[in-house]
Amino acid sequence: MLPTPEQIGLPAHNRKALRKSLPPTPVLPNSNPFWHRASGKASSSTSAPEENAGKLPPNLGLIYAIARKELETDKDKETKKIKEHEEPHQVAIRCIAGLYGISPDSPIAIVLGKRIIRANPVSWQKKKAPPAPISFLIVALGLLLGAGIGWLLSFGSVTLKLPNLLFLH
């Protein structure tokens, strides 16, 4: 919650100007426990029913649209049921337009509303590494293959002249 002008010690002549410039802060009764639990189901089901989503202020409507989009299942997407309520992206576009004071038909509102609702692509799942004996076998075969190719490229005449370090005269 924003501090009041009295709390931050503003002079009396600046207090009215500050109060006019601050947006009203809507408060939902009994919503505190749901925000702390970060439960999308709890916040979207108790904040407002779907038919009352249009009555929410833009900032809370945007949170509601994001929660509804996250709760959408694949079954909902596949069946494409005809719903009497707004889709989450339509709510988000309307709320973005309300926050920025622009028309809901403007390209900026459409792009920002759809971008906020868009789900990020799922990253590739990493495969588990093979068990240790198989990993050792892969490394050993790679070394043998590399040594064999190296020997063949040297035309089969590999002579190793190592210094005799053990028997120094």
N, C-alpha and C. Protein backbone atom coordinates (compact mmCIF):
# COMPACT_ATOMS: atom_id res chain seq x y z
N MET A 1 0.84 -1.17 0.00
CA MET A 1 0.00 0.00 0.00
C MET A 1 0.89 1.23 0.00
N LEU A 2 0.47 2.25 -0.71
CA LEU A 2 1.24 3.47 -0.82
C LEU A 2 1.16 4.27 0.48
N PRO A 3 2.26 4.93 0.85
CA PRO A 3 2.22 5.75 2.06
C PRO A 3 1.39 7.01 1.83
N THR A 4 0.80 7.50 2.87
CA THR A 4 0.03 8.74 2.78
C THR A 4 0.99 9.92 2.79
N PRO A 5 0.55 11.09 2.32
CA PRO A 5 1.44 12.26 2.33
C PRO A 5 1.90 12.61 3.74
N GLU A 6 1.04 12.36 4.73
CA GLU A 6 1.41 12.68 6.10
C GLU A 6 2.55 11.77 6.57
N GLN A 7 2.54 10.52 6.11
CA GLN A 7 3.57 9.57 6.55
C GLN A 7 4.94 9.90 5.97
N ILE A 8 4.98 10.48 4.79
CA ILE A 8 6.28 10.80 4.21
C ILE A 8 6.70 12.24 4.48
N GLY A 9 5.86 12.99 5.20
CA GLY A 9 6.23 14.33 5.65
C GLY A 9 6.19 15.41 4.58
N LEU A 10 5.22 15.38 3.69
CA LEU A 10 5.10 16.43 2.69
C LEU A 10 4.47 17.67 3.30
N PRO A 11 4.85 18.84 2.82
CA PRO A 11 4.21 20.06 3.30
C PRO A 11 2.73 20.07 2.95
N ALA A 12 1.96 20.83 3.68
CA ALA A 12 0.50 20.83 3.53
C ALA A 12 0.07 21.27 2.14
N HIS A 13 0.78 22.18 1.49
CA HIS A 13 0.34 22.67 0.18
C HIS A 13 0.57 21.62 -0.92
N ASN A 14 1.42 20.62 -0.72
CA ASN A 14 1.67 19.58 -1.72
C ASN A 14 0.78 18.35 -1.52
N ARG A 15 0.12 18.24 -0.40
CA ARG A 15 -0.66 17.03 -0.10
C ARG A 15 -1.84 16.84 -1.04
N LYS A 16 -2.55 17.91 -1.34
CA LYS A 16 -3.72 17.78 -2.21
C LYS A 16 -3.29 17.39 -3.62
N ALA A 17 -2.22 17.96 -4.10
CA ALA A 17 -1.74 17.63 -5.44
C ALA A 17 -1.31 16.17 -5.52
N LEU A 18 -0.67 15.67 -4.47
CA LEU A 18 -0.23 14.28 -4.46
C LEU A 18 -1.42 13.34 -4.41
N ARG A 19 -2.41 13.65 -3.61
CA ARG A 19 -3.59 12.78 -3.52
C ARG A 19 -4.33 12.71 -4.85
N LYS A 20 -4.35 13.82 -5.59
CA LYS A 20 -5.02 13.81 -6.89
C LYS A 20 -4.23 12.99 -7.91
N SER A 21 -2.90 12.99 -7.78
CA SER A 21 -2.09 12.28 -8.77
C SER A 21 -2.02 10.78 -8.53
N LEU A 22 -2.25 10.34 -7.29
CA LEU A 22 -2.17 8.91 -7.00
C LEU A 22 -3.43 8.20 -7.47
N PRO A 23 -3.29 7.04 -8.08
CA PRO A 23 -4.48 6.29 -8.48
C PRO A 23 -5.15 5.69 -7.25
N PRO A 24 -6.46 5.50 -7.32
CA PRO A 24 -7.12 4.85 -6.18
C PRO A 24 -6.65 3.41 -6.08
N THR A 25 -6.47 2.94 -4.88
CA THR A 25 -5.99 1.57 -4.69
C THR A 25 -7.17 0.69 -4.32
N PRO A 26 -7.63 -0.14 -5.24
CA PRO A 26 -8.74 -1.03 -4.92
C PRO A 26 -8.28 -2.14 -3.99
N VAL A 27 -9.12 -2.48 -3.05
CA VAL A 27 -8.79 -3.52 -2.09
C VAL A 27 -9.90 -4.56 -2.12
N LEU A 28 -9.50 -5.80 -2.25
CA LEU A 28 -10.48 -6.88 -2.18
C LEU A 28 -10.56 -7.38 -0.75
N PRO A 29 -11.74 -7.46 -0.18
CA PRO A 29 -11.83 -7.96 1.19
C PRO A 29 -11.46 -9.44 1.24
N ASN A 30 -10.76 -9.81 2.26
CA ASN A 30 -10.36 -11.20 2.54
C ASN A 30 -9.55 -11.83 1.42
N SER A 31 -8.81 -11.05 0.65
CA SER A 31 -8.01 -11.64 -0.42
C SER A 31 -6.57 -11.87 0.01
N ASN A 32 -6.17 -11.32 1.16
CA ASN A 32 -4.79 -11.42 1.60
C ASN A 32 -4.27 -12.85 1.68
N PRO A 33 -4.99 -13.81 2.28
CA PRO A 33 -4.44 -15.16 2.37
C PRO A 33 -4.17 -15.79 1.01
N PHE A 34 -4.97 -15.44 0.01
CA PHE A 34 -4.80 -16.06 -1.29
C PHE A 34 -3.55 -15.55 -1.99
N TRP A 35 -3.23 -14.29 -1.82
CA TRP A 35 -2.03 -13.76 -2.47
C TRP A 35 -0.79 -14.36 -1.84
N HIS A 36 -0.82 -14.59 -0.52
CA HIS A 36 0.35 -15.17 0.13
C HIS A 36 0.54 -16.62 -0.24
N ARG A 37 -0.53 -17.35 -0.50
CA ARG A 37 -0.41 -18.75 -0.88
C ARG A 37 -0.06 -18.90 -2.35
N ALA A 38 -0.22 -17.84 -3.12
CA ALA A 38 0.04 -17.86 -4.56
C ALA A 38 -0.75 -18.96 -5.23
N SER A 39 -1.99 -19.07 -4.85
CA SER A 39 -2.85 -20.10 -5.42
C SER A 39 -3.73 -19.47 -6.48
N GLY A 40 -3.50 -19.82 -7.73
CA GLY A 40 -4.29 -19.27 -8.82
C GLY A 40 -5.75 -19.66 -8.72
N LYS A 41 -6.01 -20.91 -8.33
CA LYS A 41 -7.39 -21.36 -8.23
C LYS A 41 -8.12 -20.57 -7.15
N ALA A 42 -7.46 -20.37 -6.02
CA ALA A 42 -8.11 -19.66 -4.93
C ALA A 42 -8.37 -18.21 -5.30
N SER A 43 -7.39 -17.56 -5.92
CA SER A 43 -7.57 -16.14 -6.21
C SER A 43 -8.59 -15.92 -7.31
N SER A 44 -8.59 -16.78 -8.34
CA SER A 44 -9.53 -16.54 -9.43
C SER A 44 -10.94 -16.94 -9.06
N SER A 45 -11.09 -17.94 -8.20
CA SER A 45 -12.44 -18.38 -7.88
C SER A 45 -13.09 -17.50 -6.82
N THR A 46 -12.30 -16.86 -5.97
CA THR A 46 -12.90 -16.05 -4.93
C THR A 46 -12.83 -14.57 -5.21
N SER A 47 -11.96 -14.13 -6.12
CA SER A 47 -11.86 -12.70 -6.40
C SER A 47 -13.14 -12.21 -7.04
N ALA A 48 -13.54 -12.86 -8.11
CA ALA A 48 -14.75 -12.45 -8.81
C ALA A 48 -15.21 -13.59 -9.68
N PRO A 49 -16.51 -13.84 -9.70
CA PRO A 49 -17.00 -14.83 -10.66
C PRO A 49 -16.81 -14.32 -12.08
N GLU A 50 -16.90 -15.21 -13.06
CA GLU A 50 -16.63 -14.82 -14.44
C GLU A 50 -17.53 -13.69 -14.93
N GLU A 51 -18.78 -13.69 -14.50
CA GLU A 51 -19.68 -12.64 -14.99
C GLU A 51 -19.36 -11.28 -14.38
N ASN A 52 -18.65 -11.24 -13.25
CA ASN A 52 -18.27 -9.98 -12.62
C ASN A 52 -16.86 -9.54 -12.97
N ALA A 53 -16.17 -10.28 -13.84
CA ALA A 53 -14.79 -9.93 -14.18
C ALA A 53 -14.71 -8.57 -14.86
N GLY A 54 -15.74 -8.19 -15.60
CA GLY A 54 -15.74 -6.90 -16.27
C GLY A 54 -15.89 -5.73 -15.33
N LYS A 55 -16.32 -5.98 -14.10
CA LYS A 55 -16.51 -4.90 -13.13
C LYS A 55 -15.25 -4.63 -12.32
N LEU A 56 -14.23 -5.48 -12.46
CA LEU A 56 -12.99 -5.27 -11.72
C LEU A 56 -12.22 -4.08 -12.30
N PRO A 57 -11.44 -3.39 -11.46
CA PRO A 57 -10.56 -2.34 -12.00
C PRO A 57 -9.52 -2.99 -12.93
N PRO A 58 -8.93 -2.21 -13.83
CA PRO A 58 -8.02 -2.79 -14.82
C PRO A 58 -6.86 -3.59 -14.24
N ASN A 59 -6.26 -3.09 -13.15
CA ASN A 59 -5.10 -3.82 -12.61
C ASN A 59 -5.51 -5.18 -12.05
N LEU A 60 -6.64 -5.26 -11.37
CA LEU A 60 -7.10 -6.55 -10.85
C LEU A 60 -7.68 -7.42 -11.96
N GLY A 61 -8.29 -6.80 -12.95
CA GLY A 61 -8.79 -7.56 -14.09
C GLY A 61 -7.67 -8.25 -14.85
N LEU A 62 -6.52 -7.59 -14.93
CA LEU A 62 -5.37 -8.19 -15.59
C LEU A 62 -4.86 -9.40 -14.81
N ILE A 63 -4.81 -9.28 -13.50
CA ILE A 63 -4.40 -10.42 -12.67
C ILE A 63 -5.40 -11.56 -12.83
N TYR A 64 -6.67 -11.23 -12.88
CA TYR A 64 -7.72 -12.24 -13.06
C TYR A 64 -7.56 -12.95 -14.40
N ALA A 65 -7.26 -12.19 -15.47
CA ALA A 65 -7.10 -12.80 -16.80
C ALA A 65 -5.90 -13.74 -16.83
N ILE A 66 -4.81 -13.34 -16.19
CA ILE A 66 -3.63 -14.20 -16.14
C ILE A 66 -3.93 -15.48 -15.37
N ALA A 67 -4.65 -15.36 -14.25
CA ALA A 67 -5.00 -16.55 -13.46
C ALA A 67 -5.91 -17.48 -14.26
N ARG A 68 -6.88 -16.91 -14.98
CA ARG A 68 -7.77 -17.75 -15.81
C ARG A 68 -7.01 -18.46 -16.91
N LYS A 69 -6.06 -17.78 -17.52
CA LYS A 69 -5.27 -18.39 -18.60
C LYS A 69 -4.41 -19.53 -18.05
N GLU A 70 -3.85 -19.36 -16.86
CA GLU A 70 -3.02 -20.41 -16.28
C GLU A 70 -3.84 -21.62 -15.88
N LEU A 71 -5.12 -21.40 -15.54
CA LEU A 71 -5.97 -22.51 -15.13
C LEU A 71 -6.60 -23.24 -16.30
N GLU A 72 -6.49 -22.68 -17.50
CA GLU A 72 -7.05 -23.33 -18.68
C GLU A 72 -6.35 -24.66 -18.91
N THR A 73 -7.11 -25.69 -19.17
CA THR A 73 -6.52 -27.01 -19.43
C THR A 73 -6.45 -27.26 -20.92
N ASP A 74 -5.73 -28.29 -21.29
CA ASP A 74 -5.64 -28.65 -22.71
C ASP A 74 -7.00 -29.07 -23.25
N LYS A 75 -7.82 -29.67 -22.39
CA LYS A 75 -9.15 -30.10 -22.81
C LYS A 75 -9.98 -28.88 -23.22
N ASP A 76 -9.86 -27.79 -22.44
CA ASP A 76 -10.59 -26.57 -22.77
C ASP A 76 -10.15 -26.02 -24.13
N LYS A 77 -8.86 -26.11 -24.41
CA LYS A 77 -8.34 -25.59 -25.68
C LYS A 77 -8.79 -26.45 -26.86
N GLU A 78 -8.84 -27.78 -26.64
CA GLU A 78 -9.19 -28.69 -27.74
C GLU A 78 -10.67 -28.62 -28.08
N THR A 79 -11.52 -28.55 -27.07
CA THR A 79 -12.96 -28.59 -27.34
C THR A 79 -13.47 -27.27 -27.89
N LYS A 80 -12.80 -26.17 -27.56
CA LYS A 80 -13.20 -24.84 -28.04
C LYS A 80 -14.69 -24.60 -27.81
N LYS A 81 -15.10 -24.80 -26.57
CA LYS A 81 -16.51 -24.59 -26.23
C LYS A 81 -16.89 -23.13 -26.46
N ILE A 82 -18.14 -22.93 -26.83
CA ILE A 82 -18.65 -21.56 -26.95
C ILE A 82 -19.00 -21.10 -25.54
N LYS A 83 -18.34 -20.06 -25.12
CA LYS A 83 -18.54 -19.56 -23.76
C LYS A 83 -19.29 -18.24 -23.82
N GLU A 84 -20.11 -18.01 -22.80
CA GLU A 84 -20.83 -16.74 -22.76
C GLU A 84 -19.98 -15.64 -22.12
N HIS A 85 -18.81 -16.02 -21.58
CA HIS A 85 -17.94 -15.05 -20.92
C HIS A 85 -16.76 -14.72 -21.83
N GLU A 86 -16.08 -13.63 -21.48
CA GLU A 86 -14.93 -13.20 -22.28
C GLU A 86 -13.78 -14.18 -22.12
N GLU A 87 -13.02 -14.32 -23.18
CA GLU A 87 -11.80 -15.12 -23.14
C GLU A 87 -10.75 -14.34 -22.36
N PRO A 88 -9.74 -15.04 -21.78
CA PRO A 88 -8.71 -14.33 -21.00
C PRO A 88 -7.97 -13.26 -21.80
N HIS A 89 -7.68 -13.52 -23.09
CA HIS A 89 -6.95 -12.50 -23.85
C HIS A 89 -7.80 -11.27 -24.10
N GLN A 90 -9.12 -11.44 -24.22
CA GLN A 90 -9.99 -10.27 -24.40
C GLN A 90 -10.03 -9.42 -23.13
N VAL A 91 -10.08 -10.10 -21.99
CA VAL A 91 -10.06 -9.38 -20.71
C VAL A 91 -8.74 -8.64 -20.56
N ALA A 92 -7.63 -9.30 -20.91
CA ALA A 92 -6.32 -8.67 -20.78
C ALA A 92 -6.19 -7.45 -21.70
N ILE A 93 -6.68 -7.55 -22.92
CA ILE A 93 -6.62 -6.41 -23.85
C ILE A 93 -7.43 -5.24 -23.30
N ARG A 94 -8.62 -5.53 -22.80
CA ARG A 94 -9.47 -4.48 -22.24
C ARG A 94 -8.80 -3.83 -21.03
N CYS A 95 -8.17 -4.64 -20.18
CA CYS A 95 -7.53 -4.10 -18.98
C CYS A 95 -6.28 -3.28 -19.32
N ILE A 96 -5.50 -3.74 -20.28
CA ILE A 96 -4.33 -2.97 -20.72
C ILE A 96 -4.78 -1.62 -21.28
N ALA A 97 -5.85 -1.63 -22.07
CA ALA A 97 -6.37 -0.38 -22.62
C ALA A 97 -6.82 0.55 -21.50
N GLY A 98 -7.44 -0.01 -20.45
CA GLY A 98 -7.87 0.80 -19.32
C GLY A 98 -6.70 1.36 -18.53
N LEU A 99 -5.65 0.56 -18.37
CA LEU A 99 -4.48 1.02 -17.62
C LEU A 99 -3.75 2.15 -18.34
N TYR A 100 -3.64 2.05 -19.66
CA TYR A 100 -2.92 3.06 -20.42
C TYR A 100 -3.82 4.17 -20.95
N GLY A 101 -5.12 4.04 -20.77
CA GLY A 101 -6.04 5.07 -21.23
C GLY A 101 -6.14 5.15 -22.74
N ILE A 102 -6.10 4.01 -23.40
CA ILE A 102 -6.20 3.97 -24.85
C ILE A 102 -7.39 3.11 -25.25
N SER A 103 -7.71 3.12 -26.52
CA SER A 103 -8.85 2.34 -27.01
C SER A 103 -8.51 0.85 -27.01
N PRO A 104 -9.46 -0.01 -26.67
CA PRO A 104 -9.19 -1.46 -26.72
C PRO A 104 -8.90 -1.97 -28.13
N ASP A 105 -9.24 -1.18 -29.15
CA ASP A 105 -8.97 -1.58 -30.53
C ASP A 105 -7.59 -1.16 -31.00
N SER A 106 -6.85 -0.40 -30.18
CA SER A 106 -5.55 0.09 -30.62
C SER A 106 -4.55 -1.06 -30.69
N PRO A 107 -3.62 -0.98 -31.64
CA PRO A 107 -2.62 -2.05 -31.79
C PRO A 107 -1.77 -2.25 -30.54
N ILE A 108 -1.48 -1.17 -29.83
CA ILE A 108 -0.66 -1.28 -28.62
C ILE A 108 -1.37 -2.13 -27.58
N ALA A 109 -2.65 -1.87 -27.36
CA ALA A 109 -3.40 -2.65 -26.37
C ALA A 109 -3.49 -4.11 -26.78
N ILE A 110 -3.70 -4.37 -28.06
CA ILE A 110 -3.82 -5.76 -28.53
C ILE A 110 -2.50 -6.50 -28.35
N VAL A 111 -1.40 -5.87 -28.76
CA VAL A 111 -0.09 -6.54 -28.66
C VAL A 111 0.27 -6.79 -27.20
N LEU A 112 0.14 -5.78 -26.34
CA LEU A 112 0.50 -5.96 -24.94
C LEU A 112 -0.41 -6.96 -24.23
N GLY A 113 -1.71 -6.89 -24.51
CA GLY A 113 -2.64 -7.82 -23.87
C GLY A 113 -2.37 -9.26 -24.24
N LYS A 114 -2.13 -9.50 -25.54
CA LYS A 114 -1.85 -10.87 -25.97
C LYS A 114 -0.49 -11.34 -25.48
N ARG A 115 0.48 -10.43 -25.40
CA ARG A 115 1.83 -10.82 -24.94
C ARG A 115 1.81 -11.20 -23.47
N ILE A 116 1.04 -10.50 -22.67
CA ILE A 116 0.98 -10.82 -21.24
C ILE A 116 0.33 -12.17 -21.02
N ILE A 117 -0.67 -12.49 -21.82
CA ILE A 117 -1.40 -13.75 -21.65
C ILE A 117 -0.67 -14.93 -22.29
N ARG A 118 0.17 -14.67 -23.29
CA ARG A 118 0.83 -15.77 -24.01
C ARG A 118 1.67 -16.63 -23.08
N ALA A 119 1.54 -17.92 -23.23
CA ALA A 119 2.33 -18.85 -22.43
C ALA A 119 3.70 -19.00 -23.07
N ASN A 120 4.72 -19.04 -22.24
CA ASN A 120 6.07 -19.24 -22.76
C ASN A 120 6.20 -20.68 -23.25
N PRO A 121 6.94 -20.90 -24.33
CA PRO A 121 7.09 -22.26 -24.83
C PRO A 121 7.84 -23.13 -23.82
N VAL A 122 7.44 -24.37 -23.77
CA VAL A 122 8.07 -25.31 -22.84
C VAL A 122 9.43 -25.69 -23.42
N SER A 123 10.45 -25.67 -22.59
CA SER A 123 11.78 -26.01 -23.07
C SER A 123 11.88 -27.52 -23.30
N TRP A 124 12.85 -27.90 -24.08
CA TRP A 124 13.07 -29.31 -24.35
C TRP A 124 13.40 -30.03 -23.05
N GLN A 125 12.84 -31.20 -22.91
CA GLN A 125 13.16 -31.97 -21.71
C GLN A 125 14.53 -32.59 -21.90
N LYS A 126 15.33 -32.53 -20.85
CA LYS A 126 16.66 -33.10 -20.93
C LYS A 126 16.57 -34.60 -20.67
N LYS A 127 17.31 -35.34 -21.48
CA LYS A 127 17.33 -36.79 -21.29
C LYS A 127 18.27 -37.12 -20.15
N LYS A 128 17.93 -38.19 -19.46
CA LYS A 128 18.81 -38.65 -18.39
C LYS A 128 20.08 -39.24 -19.01
N ALA A 129 21.17 -39.10 -18.30
CA ALA A 129 22.43 -39.68 -18.76
C ALA A 129 22.34 -41.20 -18.64
N PRO A 130 23.03 -41.91 -19.53
CA PRO A 130 23.01 -43.37 -19.41
C PRO A 130 23.73 -43.81 -18.13
N PRO A 131 23.50 -45.03 -17.70
CA PRO A 131 24.18 -45.52 -16.49
C PRO A 131 25.70 -45.48 -16.67
N ALA A 132 26.43 -45.52 -15.56
CA ALA A 132 27.89 -45.39 -15.57
C ALA A 132 28.59 -46.44 -16.43
N PRO A 133 28.23 -47.73 -16.37
CA PRO A 133 28.94 -48.71 -17.22
C PRO A 133 28.78 -48.41 -18.71
N ILE A 134 27.61 -47.96 -19.11
CA ILE A 134 27.40 -47.64 -20.53
C ILE A 134 28.19 -46.39 -20.91
N SER A 135 28.26 -45.41 -20.02
CA SER A 135 29.06 -44.21 -20.29
C SER A 135 30.54 -44.58 -20.45
N PHE A 136 31.03 -45.46 -19.58
CA PHE A 136 32.43 -45.90 -19.67
C PHE A 136 32.68 -46.61 -20.99
N LEU A 137 31.74 -47.46 -21.40
CA LEU A 137 31.87 -48.19 -22.65
C LEU A 137 31.90 -47.23 -23.84
N ILE A 138 31.07 -46.21 -23.82
CA ILE A 138 31.05 -45.22 -24.90
C ILE A 138 32.39 -44.49 -24.99
N VAL A 139 32.94 -44.09 -23.85
CA VAL A 139 34.22 -43.38 -23.83
C VAL A 139 35.34 -44.30 -24.32
N ALA A 140 35.35 -45.55 -23.84
CA ALA A 140 36.40 -46.50 -24.24
C ALA A 140 36.34 -46.77 -25.75
N LEU A 141 35.13 -46.98 -26.28
CA LEU A 141 35.00 -47.22 -27.72
C LEU A 141 35.44 -45.99 -28.52
N GLY A 142 35.13 -44.81 -28.02
CA GLY A 142 35.57 -43.59 -28.69
C GLY A 142 37.08 -43.46 -28.73
N LEU A 143 37.73 -43.80 -27.61
CA LEU A 143 39.20 -43.74 -27.57
C LEU A 143 39.81 -44.78 -28.51
N LEU A 144 39.28 -46.00 -28.50
CA LEU A 144 39.80 -47.05 -29.38
C LEU A 144 39.60 -46.68 -30.85
N LEU A 145 38.45 -46.14 -31.17
CA LEU A 145 38.18 -45.74 -32.55
C LEU A 145 39.13 -44.62 -32.98
N GLY A 146 39.34 -43.64 -32.11
CA GLY A 146 40.26 -42.55 -32.42
C GLY A 146 41.68 -43.04 -32.57
N ALA A 147 42.11 -43.97 -31.71
CA ALA A 147 43.46 -44.52 -31.81
C ALA A 147 43.61 -45.32 -33.10
N GLY A 148 42.58 -46.09 -33.45
CA GLY A 148 42.65 -46.89 -34.68
C GLY A 148 42.73 -46.01 -35.91
N ILE A 149 41.94 -44.97 -35.96
CA ILE A 149 41.98 -44.06 -37.10
C ILE A 149 43.33 -43.36 -37.18
N GLY A 150 43.86 -42.97 -36.05
CA GLY A 150 45.19 -42.33 -36.03
C GLY A 150 46.27 -43.27 -36.52
N TRP A 151 46.21 -44.53 -36.15
CA TRP A 151 47.20 -45.52 -36.59
C TRP A 151 47.11 -45.73 -38.09
N LEU A 152 45.86 -45.82 -38.59
CA LEU A 152 45.69 -46.01 -40.03
C LEU A 152 46.19 -44.80 -40.82
N LEU A 153 45.99 -43.62 -40.31
CA LEU A 153 46.45 -42.42 -41.01
C LEU A 153 47.97 -42.30 -41.00
N SER A 154 48.61 -42.92 -40.05
CA SER A 154 50.08 -42.89 -40.02
C SER A 154 50.65 -44.05 -40.82
N PHE A 155 49.82 -44.67 -41.64
CA PHE A 155 50.19 -45.78 -42.52
C PHE A 155 50.68 -47.00 -41.75
N GLY A 156 50.24 -47.19 -40.57
CA GLY A 156 50.54 -48.41 -39.82
C GLY A 156 51.94 -48.46 -39.24
N SER A 157 52.68 -47.41 -39.34
CA SER A 157 54.05 -47.46 -38.81
C SER A 157 54.18 -46.48 -37.66
N VAL A 158 53.73 -46.90 -36.53
CA VAL A 158 53.83 -46.06 -35.35
C VAL A 158 54.99 -46.58 -34.52
N THR A 159 55.96 -45.76 -34.30
CA THR A 159 57.08 -46.14 -33.43
C THR A 159 57.10 -45.18 -32.26
N LEU A 160 57.12 -45.74 -31.11
CA LEU A 160 57.15 -44.93 -29.90
C LEU A 160 58.55 -44.99 -29.31
N LYS A 161 59.20 -43.88 -29.22
CA LYS A 161 60.50 -43.82 -28.59
C LYS A 161 60.34 -43.03 -27.31
N LEU A 162 60.19 -43.76 -26.25
CA LEU A 162 60.03 -43.13 -24.95
C LEU A 162 61.36 -43.12 -24.23
N PRO A 163 61.64 -42.07 -23.50
CA PRO A 163 62.90 -42.05 -22.74
C PRO A 163 62.86 -43.08 -21.62
N ASN A 164 63.98 -43.69 -21.38
CA ASN A 164 64.10 -44.69 -20.34
C ASN A 164 64.35 -43.97 -19.02
N LEU A 165 63.30 -43.66 -18.32
CA LEU A 165 63.43 -42.88 -17.10
C LEU A 165 63.72 -43.75 -15.88
N LEU A 166 63.41 -45.02 -15.96
CA LEU A 166 63.59 -45.87 -14.79
C LEU A 166 65.03 -46.30 -14.59
N PHE A 167 65.75 -46.48 -15.65
CA PHE A 167 67.12 -46.98 -15.54
C PHE A 167 68.10 -45.92 -16.02
N LEU A 168 68.36 -44.97 -15.21
CA LEU A 168 69.30 -43.91 -15.56
C LEU A 168 70.71 -44.36 -15.24
N HIS A 169 71.67 -44.23 -16.12
CA HIS A 169 73.05 -44.65 -15.89
C HIS A 169 73.87 -43.52 -15.39
